[in-house]
Amino acid sequence: QVQLVESGGGLVQAGESLRLSCAASGSILEINAMGWVRHPRNNQREWVAYNNTIGPTYPVPDSVKGRFFISSDNAKNTIYLQQNDLTPEHTGVYYCNIRIAARDYWGPGTQVTVSS
């Protein structure tokens, strides 16, 4: 079993930055892909960052291009999402995702709220 826990969300003003973290624990083998999904209220969730080492990637909206960056620290089994120049459009619950051996794992999410 693999467990993911996100942290780093909160309430910020437009133009500010956040760094979300996703700590993974359990039976972590080779991570084939990792990413972050945003789920705004009353709307469909969408990928905002995705890194796949063995297959295709998902498209991300223009609103996050050049603003959101995904990275990882393998020694800490942690995935990050750096969010710069946030706008109210980026408000939502953010979930991290990793894929190991064709199986997806998700965290419970962390809320990001951007005020104008």
N, C-alpha and C. Protein backbone atom coordinates (compact mmCIF):
# COMPACT_ATOMS: atom_id res chain seq x y z
N GLN A 1 0.82 -1.19 0.00
CA GLN A 1 0.00 0.00 0.00
C GLN A 1 0.86 1.25 0.00
N VAL A 2 0.34 2.26 -0.65
CA VAL A 2 1.03 3.55 -0.72
C VAL A 2 0.08 4.62 -0.19
N GLN A 3 0.59 5.50 0.66
CA GLN A 3 -0.21 6.60 1.19
C GLN A 3 0.43 7.92 0.78
N LEU A 4 -0.45 8.86 0.42
CA LEU A 4 0.00 10.21 0.06
C LEU A 4 -0.70 11.22 0.95
N VAL A 5 0.03 12.22 1.38
CA VAL A 5 -0.55 13.28 2.19
C VAL A 5 -0.04 14.62 1.69
N GLU A 6 -0.98 15.48 1.28
CA GLU A 6 -0.61 16.80 0.81
C GLU A 6 -0.57 17.79 1.96
N SER A 7 0.19 18.85 1.77
CA SER A 7 0.24 19.94 2.74
C SER A 7 0.70 21.20 2.01
N GLY A 8 0.57 22.34 2.68
CA GLY A 8 1.06 23.59 2.12
C GLY A 8 -0.01 24.49 1.55
N GLY A 9 -1.25 24.02 1.52
CA GLY A 9 -2.33 24.87 1.03
C GLY A 9 -2.67 25.96 2.03
N GLY A 10 -3.56 26.88 1.61
CA GLY A 10 -3.96 27.94 2.51
C GLY A 10 -4.63 29.06 1.76
N LEU A 11 -4.80 30.17 2.46
CA LEU A 11 -5.42 31.37 1.89
C LEU A 11 -4.34 32.38 1.58
N VAL A 12 -4.26 32.80 0.32
CA VAL A 12 -3.28 33.80 -0.10
C VAL A 12 -3.97 34.85 -0.96
N GLN A 13 -3.27 35.94 -1.16
CA GLN A 13 -3.78 36.99 -2.04
C GLN A 13 -3.25 36.80 -3.45
N ALA A 14 -3.95 37.35 -4.39
CA ALA A 14 -3.53 37.27 -5.78
C ALA A 14 -2.11 37.82 -5.94
N GLY A 15 -1.31 37.12 -6.72
CA GLY A 15 0.07 37.52 -6.94
C GLY A 15 1.07 36.82 -6.05
N GLU A 16 0.59 36.19 -4.99
CA GLU A 16 1.48 35.49 -4.07
C GLU A 16 1.77 34.08 -4.57
N SER A 17 2.65 33.41 -3.84
CA SER A 17 3.09 32.07 -4.22
C SER A 17 2.85 31.08 -3.08
N LEU A 18 2.75 29.82 -3.46
CA LEU A 18 2.65 28.72 -2.51
C LEU A 18 3.49 27.57 -3.03
N ARG A 19 3.94 26.73 -2.10
CA ARG A 19 4.56 25.47 -2.50
C ARG A 19 3.83 24.35 -1.78
N LEU A 20 3.15 23.54 -2.57
CA LEU A 20 2.46 22.37 -2.03
C LEU A 20 3.43 21.20 -1.95
N SER A 21 3.25 20.39 -0.92
CA SER A 21 4.07 19.20 -0.75
C SER A 21 3.17 17.97 -0.70
N CYS A 22 3.71 16.86 -1.13
CA CYS A 22 2.99 15.59 -1.10
C CYS A 22 3.97 14.53 -0.62
N ALA A 23 3.78 14.09 0.60
CA ALA A 23 4.67 13.09 1.18
C ALA A 23 4.11 11.69 0.93
N ALA A 24 4.94 10.84 0.37
CA ALA A 24 4.54 9.46 0.06
C ALA A 24 5.18 8.50 1.05
N SER A 25 4.42 7.49 1.44
CA SER A 25 4.93 6.47 2.34
C SER A 25 4.35 5.12 1.95
N GLY A 26 4.97 4.06 2.44
CA GLY A 26 4.48 2.72 2.13
C GLY A 26 5.40 2.01 1.16
N SER A 27 4.81 1.11 0.38
CA SER A 27 5.58 0.28 -0.55
C SER A 27 5.82 1.04 -1.85
N ILE A 28 6.78 1.92 -1.82
CA ILE A 28 7.06 2.76 -2.98
C ILE A 28 8.13 2.10 -3.82
N LEU A 29 7.71 1.66 -5.00
CA LEU A 29 8.66 1.09 -5.94
C LEU A 29 9.06 2.19 -6.92
N GLU A 30 9.23 1.85 -8.15
CA GLU A 30 9.59 2.88 -9.11
C GLU A 30 8.36 3.70 -9.48
N ILE A 31 8.45 5.00 -9.30
CA ILE A 31 7.35 5.90 -9.68
C ILE A 31 7.44 6.17 -11.17
N ASN A 32 6.41 5.78 -11.90
CA ASN A 32 6.42 5.98 -13.34
C ASN A 32 5.90 7.35 -13.75
N ALA A 33 5.01 7.91 -12.94
CA ALA A 33 4.44 9.20 -13.26
C ALA A 33 3.98 9.88 -11.98
N MET A 34 3.92 11.20 -12.01
CA MET A 34 3.44 11.96 -10.86
C MET A 34 2.79 13.23 -11.38
N GLY A 35 1.88 13.75 -10.59
CA GLY A 35 1.20 14.95 -11.04
C GLY A 35 0.33 15.55 -9.96
N TRP A 36 -0.29 16.65 -10.32
CA TRP A 36 -1.21 17.37 -9.44
C TRP A 36 -2.48 17.71 -10.21
N VAL A 37 -3.59 17.57 -9.51
CA VAL A 37 -4.90 17.86 -10.08
C VAL A 37 -5.57 18.92 -9.22
N ARG A 38 -6.23 19.84 -9.88
CA ARG A 38 -7.02 20.85 -9.16
C ARG A 38 -8.50 20.56 -9.35
N HIS A 39 -9.24 20.64 -8.25
CA HIS A 39 -10.68 20.42 -8.30
C HIS A 39 -11.36 21.64 -7.72
N PRO A 40 -11.80 22.56 -8.60
CA PRO A 40 -12.52 23.73 -8.09
C PRO A 40 -13.95 23.36 -7.74
N ARG A 41 -14.58 24.17 -6.90
CA ARG A 41 -15.96 23.90 -6.51
C ARG A 41 -16.86 23.99 -7.72
N ASN A 42 -17.79 23.07 -7.83
CA ASN A 42 -18.79 23.07 -8.90
C ASN A 42 -18.18 23.03 -10.28
N ASN A 43 -17.04 22.36 -10.41
CA ASN A 43 -16.43 22.26 -11.72
C ASN A 43 -15.64 20.95 -11.79
N GLN A 44 -15.29 20.58 -12.99
CA GLN A 44 -14.53 19.34 -13.16
C GLN A 44 -13.08 19.54 -12.75
N ARG A 45 -12.48 18.49 -12.30
CA ARG A 45 -11.08 18.59 -11.93
C ARG A 45 -10.22 18.58 -13.20
N GLU A 46 -9.04 19.14 -13.09
CA GLU A 46 -8.14 19.21 -14.24
C GLU A 46 -6.70 19.04 -13.77
N TRP A 47 -5.89 18.49 -14.63
CA TRP A 47 -4.48 18.36 -14.34
C TRP A 47 -3.83 19.74 -14.44
N VAL A 48 -2.97 20.05 -13.47
CA VAL A 48 -2.23 21.30 -13.53
C VAL A 48 -0.72 21.05 -13.65
N ALA A 49 -0.31 19.82 -13.45
CA ALA A 49 1.10 19.45 -13.63
C ALA A 49 1.16 17.94 -13.74
N TYR A 50 2.00 17.46 -14.66
CA TYR A 50 2.09 16.01 -14.84
C TYR A 50 3.44 15.68 -15.44
N ASN A 51 4.09 14.68 -14.88
CA ASN A 51 5.39 14.24 -15.35
C ASN A 51 5.37 12.73 -15.49
N ASN A 52 5.42 12.26 -16.72
CA ASN A 52 5.35 10.83 -16.99
C ASN A 52 6.65 10.37 -17.64
N THR A 53 7.33 9.42 -17.00
CA THR A 53 8.63 8.99 -17.52
C THR A 53 8.52 7.92 -18.59
N ILE A 54 7.34 7.29 -18.72
CA ILE A 54 7.25 6.17 -19.66
C ILE A 54 6.08 6.29 -20.61
N GLY A 55 5.34 7.36 -20.58
CA GLY A 55 4.18 7.45 -21.46
C GLY A 55 3.77 8.88 -21.72
N PRO A 56 2.59 9.05 -22.31
CA PRO A 56 2.12 10.40 -22.65
C PRO A 56 1.78 11.19 -21.40
N THR A 57 1.74 12.49 -21.57
CA THR A 57 1.41 13.37 -20.47
C THR A 57 0.04 13.98 -20.71
N TYR A 58 -0.50 14.64 -19.70
CA TYR A 58 -1.78 15.32 -19.83
C TYR A 58 -1.54 16.80 -20.15
N PRO A 59 -2.42 17.40 -20.93
CA PRO A 59 -2.29 18.84 -21.16
C PRO A 59 -2.72 19.60 -19.91
N VAL A 60 -2.15 20.79 -19.75
CA VAL A 60 -2.52 21.65 -18.63
C VAL A 60 -3.08 22.95 -19.18
N PRO A 61 -3.91 23.63 -18.40
CA PRO A 61 -4.51 24.88 -18.89
C PRO A 61 -3.47 25.99 -19.01
N ASP A 62 -3.77 26.95 -19.86
CA ASP A 62 -2.86 28.08 -20.08
C ASP A 62 -2.63 28.87 -18.79
N SER A 63 -3.62 28.85 -17.89
CA SER A 63 -3.53 29.66 -16.67
C SER A 63 -2.41 29.20 -15.74
N VAL A 64 -1.87 27.99 -15.95
CA VAL A 64 -0.80 27.51 -15.06
C VAL A 64 0.54 27.41 -15.78
N LYS A 65 0.54 27.55 -17.08
CA LYS A 65 1.80 27.47 -17.83
C LYS A 65 2.70 28.63 -17.44
N GLY A 66 3.94 28.30 -17.08
CA GLY A 66 4.89 29.33 -16.67
C GLY A 66 4.70 29.78 -15.24
N ARG A 67 3.68 29.24 -14.56
CA ARG A 67 3.39 29.60 -13.16
C ARG A 67 3.58 28.41 -12.22
N PHE A 68 3.17 27.23 -12.65
CA PHE A 68 3.20 26.03 -11.80
C PHE A 68 4.33 25.12 -12.26
N PHE A 69 5.07 24.60 -11.29
CA PHE A 69 6.19 23.72 -11.62
C PHE A 69 6.19 22.54 -10.66
N ILE A 70 6.32 21.36 -11.21
CA ILE A 70 6.35 20.14 -10.42
C ILE A 70 7.78 19.67 -10.25
N SER A 71 8.09 19.17 -9.06
CA SER A 71 9.41 18.62 -8.80
C SER A 71 9.30 17.53 -7.75
N SER A 72 10.38 16.86 -7.49
CA SER A 72 10.36 15.78 -6.49
C SER A 72 11.70 15.66 -5.81
N ASP A 73 11.66 15.14 -4.61
CA ASP A 73 12.86 14.84 -3.84
C ASP A 73 12.79 13.35 -3.52
N ASN A 74 13.51 12.54 -4.28
CA ASN A 74 13.41 11.10 -4.13
C ASN A 74 13.87 10.62 -2.76
N ALA A 75 14.86 11.31 -2.20
CA ALA A 75 15.37 10.92 -0.88
C ALA A 75 14.31 11.10 0.19
N LYS A 76 13.42 12.06 0.00
CA LYS A 76 12.36 12.32 0.97
C LYS A 76 11.02 11.75 0.54
N ASN A 77 10.97 11.11 -0.62
CA ASN A 77 9.71 10.59 -1.16
C ASN A 77 8.63 11.67 -1.15
N THR A 78 9.00 12.82 -1.63
CA THR A 78 8.09 13.96 -1.61
C THR A 78 8.01 14.60 -2.98
N ILE A 79 6.79 14.98 -3.35
CA ILE A 79 6.53 15.68 -4.61
C ILE A 79 6.09 17.09 -4.26
N TYR A 80 6.49 18.04 -5.08
CA TYR A 80 6.17 19.43 -4.81
C TYR A 80 5.44 20.04 -6.01
N LEU A 81 4.66 21.06 -5.70
CA LEU A 81 4.06 21.88 -6.74
C LEU A 81 4.31 23.34 -6.36
N GLN A 82 5.22 23.97 -7.07
CA GLN A 82 5.48 25.39 -6.85
C GLN A 82 4.46 26.20 -7.64
N GLN A 83 3.75 27.07 -6.94
CA GLN A 83 2.72 27.88 -7.58
C GLN A 83 3.09 29.35 -7.44
N ASN A 84 3.30 30.00 -8.56
CA ASN A 84 3.70 31.40 -8.55
C ASN A 84 2.61 32.28 -9.16
N ASP A 85 2.59 33.53 -8.71
CA ASP A 85 1.66 34.52 -9.27
C ASP A 85 0.24 33.97 -9.31
N LEU A 86 -0.24 33.55 -8.17
CA LEU A 86 -1.57 32.93 -8.10
C LEU A 86 -2.68 33.94 -8.37
N THR A 87 -3.76 33.44 -8.94
CA THR A 87 -4.95 34.25 -9.19
C THR A 87 -6.16 33.51 -8.60
N PRO A 88 -7.30 34.22 -8.43
CA PRO A 88 -8.50 33.54 -7.90
C PRO A 88 -8.91 32.33 -8.73
N GLU A 89 -8.54 32.32 -10.01
CA GLU A 89 -8.87 31.19 -10.87
C GLU A 89 -8.20 29.91 -10.39
N HIS A 90 -7.14 30.00 -9.65
CA HIS A 90 -6.41 28.83 -9.18
C HIS A 90 -6.98 28.24 -7.89
N THR A 91 -8.04 28.84 -7.39
CA THR A 91 -8.66 28.32 -6.17
C THR A 91 -9.21 26.92 -6.39
N GLY A 92 -9.05 26.07 -5.38
CA GLY A 92 -9.59 24.72 -5.47
C GLY A 92 -8.87 23.79 -4.52
N VAL A 93 -9.31 22.54 -4.52
CA VAL A 93 -8.62 21.51 -3.75
C VAL A 93 -7.60 20.86 -4.68
N TYR A 94 -6.39 20.75 -4.20
CA TYR A 94 -5.32 20.17 -5.00
C TYR A 94 -4.98 18.77 -4.48
N TYR A 95 -4.93 17.84 -5.42
CA TYR A 95 -4.63 16.45 -5.09
C TYR A 95 -3.34 16.04 -5.80
N CYS A 96 -2.48 15.35 -5.09
CA CYS A 96 -1.31 14.82 -5.76
C CYS A 96 -1.59 13.38 -6.18
N ASN A 97 -0.87 12.96 -7.20
CA ASN A 97 -1.07 11.64 -7.79
C ASN A 97 0.28 11.04 -8.15
N ILE A 98 0.43 9.76 -7.89
CA ILE A 98 1.59 9.04 -8.42
C ILE A 98 1.10 7.73 -9.02
N ARG A 99 1.83 7.28 -10.00
CA ARG A 99 1.51 6.00 -10.64
C ARG A 99 2.68 5.05 -10.46
N ILE A 100 2.39 3.89 -9.91
CA ILE A 100 3.40 2.85 -9.71
C ILE A 100 2.85 1.56 -10.30
N ALA A 101 3.58 1.01 -11.24
CA ALA A 101 3.18 -0.26 -11.86
C ALA A 101 1.73 -0.21 -12.36
N ALA A 102 1.40 0.84 -13.09
CA ALA A 102 0.09 1.02 -13.71
C ALA A 102 -1.04 1.23 -12.72
N ARG A 103 -0.72 1.52 -11.48
CA ARG A 103 -1.75 1.79 -10.48
C ARG A 103 -1.59 3.21 -9.98
N ASP A 104 -2.73 3.92 -9.87
CA ASP A 104 -2.72 5.30 -9.42
C ASP A 104 -3.02 5.40 -7.94
N TYR A 105 -2.32 6.32 -7.28
CA TYR A 105 -2.55 6.62 -5.87
C TYR A 105 -2.81 8.11 -5.72
N TRP A 106 -3.72 8.43 -4.79
CA TRP A 106 -4.14 9.82 -4.60
C TRP A 106 -4.07 10.18 -3.13
N GLY A 107 -3.77 11.47 -2.86
CA GLY A 107 -3.85 11.97 -1.51
C GLY A 107 -5.23 12.53 -1.24
N PRO A 108 -5.52 12.92 0.01
CA PRO A 108 -6.84 13.44 0.37
C PRO A 108 -7.07 14.88 -0.08
N GLY A 109 -6.00 15.59 -0.49
CA GLY A 109 -6.16 16.94 -1.01
C GLY A 109 -5.82 18.02 0.00
N THR A 110 -5.49 19.19 -0.55
CA THR A 110 -5.24 20.37 0.28
C THR A 110 -5.89 21.57 -0.40
N GLN A 111 -6.54 22.41 0.40
CA GLN A 111 -7.30 23.54 -0.15
C GLN A 111 -6.39 24.73 -0.40
N VAL A 112 -6.52 25.30 -1.59
CA VAL A 112 -5.85 26.56 -1.92
C VAL A 112 -6.93 27.58 -2.27
N THR A 113 -6.91 28.70 -1.57
CA THR A 113 -7.87 29.77 -1.84
C THR A 113 -7.10 31.05 -2.12
N VAL A 114 -7.39 31.63 -3.26
CA VAL A 114 -6.71 32.86 -3.67
C VAL A 114 -7.74 33.99 -3.70
N SER A 115 -7.50 35.00 -2.91
CA SER A 115 -8.41 36.15 -2.87
C SER A 115 -7.91 37.25 -3.80
N SER A 116 -8.85 38.02 -4.32
CA SER A 116 -8.48 39.09 -5.27
C SER A 116 -8.15 40.39 -4.55
